[in-house]
Amino acid sequence: MKEEAAKFTLRTSKDVLWKFHYIADYNGRSSNRQLEILLKRYIASFENKHGPIVPK
């Protein structure tokens, strides 16, 4: 069974959002996919330093 996608709202400046969209487009990705990749990299980096995070 496919996992249901979680949703959240992010508040940031228009300038930051525009630049983020620009980078995502440059990489040939949607903004959502770009953010997902960045989050996964950040989590992996944290876990490499501090150990695995176990979901509750």
C-alpha atoms as a PDB file:
ATOM      1  CA  MET A   1       0.000   0.000   0.000  1.00  0.00           C
ATOM      2  CA  LYS A   2       1.316   3.454  -0.906  1.00  0.00           C
ATOM      3  CA  GLU A   3       2.169   5.750   2.002  1.00  0.00           C
ATOM      4  CA  GLU A   4      -0.070   8.821   2.270  1.00  0.00           C
ATOM      5  CA  ALA A   5       1.824  12.070   1.690  1.00  0.00           C
ATOM      6  CA  ALA A   6       2.042  14.447   4.642  1.00  0.00           C
ATOM      7  CA  LYS A   7       1.439  18.144   4.020  1.00  0.00           C
ATOM      8  CA  PHE A   8       2.671  21.255   5.790  1.00  0.00           C
ATOM      9  CA  THR A   9       2.809  25.008   5.244  1.00  0.00           C
ATOM     10  CA  LEU A  10       6.092  26.882   4.984  1.00  0.00           C
ATOM     11  CA  ARG A  11       6.292  30.611   5.572  1.00  0.00           C
ATOM     12  CA  THR A  12       9.215  32.415   3.963  1.00  0.00           C
ATOM     13  CA  SER A  13       9.955  35.584   2.018  1.00  0.00           C
ATOM     14  CA  LYS A  14       8.944  35.920  -1.624  1.00  0.00           C
ATOM     15  CA  ASP A  15      12.618  36.374  -2.537  1.00  0.00           C
ATOM     16  CA  VAL A  16      13.668  33.108  -0.888  1.00  0.00           C
ATOM     17  CA  LEU A  17      10.753  31.258  -2.473  1.00  0.00           C
ATOM     18  CA  TRP A  18      11.520  32.672  -5.928  1.00  0.00           C
ATOM     19  CA  LYS A  19      15.176  31.644  -5.627  1.00  0.00           C
ATOM     20  CA  PHE A  20      14.170  28.183  -4.432  1.00  0.00           C
ATOM     21  CA  HIS A  21      11.853  27.743  -7.436  1.00  0.00           C
ATOM     22  CA  TYR A  22      14.675  28.934  -9.702  1.00  0.00           C
ATOM     23  CA  ILE A  23      17.095  26.319  -8.304  1.00  0.00           C
ATOM     24  CA  ALA A  24      14.498  23.545  -8.518  1.00  0.00           C
ATOM     25  CA  ASP A  25      13.773  24.451 -12.141  1.00  0.00           C
ATOM     26  CA  TYR A  26      17.518  24.580 -12.896  1.00  0.00           C
ATOM     27  CA  ASN A  27      17.801  21.033 -11.535  1.00  0.00           C
ATOM     28  CA  GLY A  28      14.794  19.893 -13.581  1.00  0.00           C
ATOM     29  CA  ARG A  29      12.695  19.227 -10.496  1.00  0.00           C
ATOM     30  CA  SER A  30       9.460  20.448  -9.023  1.00  0.00           C
ATOM     31  CA  SER A  31       9.817  22.572  -5.895  1.00  0.00           C
ATOM     32  CA  ASN A  32       8.237  19.760  -3.893  1.00  0.00           C
ATOM     33  CA  ARG A  33      10.740  17.187  -5.167  1.00  0.00           C
ATOM     34  CA  GLN A  34      13.653  19.567  -4.602  1.00  0.00           C
ATOM     35  CA  LEU A  35      12.590  20.142  -0.995  1.00  0.00           C
ATOM     36  CA  GLU A  36      12.119  16.411  -0.409  1.00  0.00           C
ATOM     37  CA  ILE A  37      15.667  15.716  -1.635  1.00  0.00           C
ATOM     38  CA  LEU A  38      17.113  18.462   0.577  1.00  0.00           C
ATOM     39  CA  LEU A  39      15.220  17.188   3.628  1.00  0.00           C
ATOM     40  CA  LYS A  40      16.414  13.608   3.051  1.00  0.00           C
ATOM     41  CA  ARG A  41      20.034  14.795   2.722  1.00  0.00           C
ATOM     42  CA  TYR A  42      19.742  16.851   5.907  1.00  0.00           C
ATOM     43  CA  ILE A  43      18.234  13.917   7.818  1.00  0.00           C
ATOM     44  CA  ALA A  44      20.945  11.549   6.557  1.00  0.00           C
ATOM     45  CA  SER A  45      23.647  14.003   7.640  1.00  0.00           C
ATOM     46  CA  PHE A  46      22.095  14.345  11.097  1.00  0.00           C
ATOM     47  CA  GLU A  47      21.752  10.589  11.510  1.00  0.00           C
ATOM     48  CA  ASN A  48      25.351  10.001  10.402  1.00  0.00           C
ATOM     49  CA  LYS A  49      26.498  12.331  13.175  1.00  0.00           C
ATOM     50  CA  HIS A  50      24.007  11.465  15.940  1.00  0.00           C
ATOM     51  CA  GLY A  51      22.676   7.998  15.095  1.00  0.00           C
ATOM     52  CA  PRO A  52      19.378   6.814  13.645  1.00  0.00           C
ATOM     53  CA  ILE A  53      16.138   8.642  14.344  1.00  0.00           C
ATOM     54  CA  VAL A  54      13.414   6.110  15.157  1.00  0.00           C
ATOM     55  CA  PRO A  55       9.902   7.177  14.076  1.00  0.00           C
ATOM     56  CA  LYS A  56       7.278   7.005  16.805  1.00  0.00           C
END
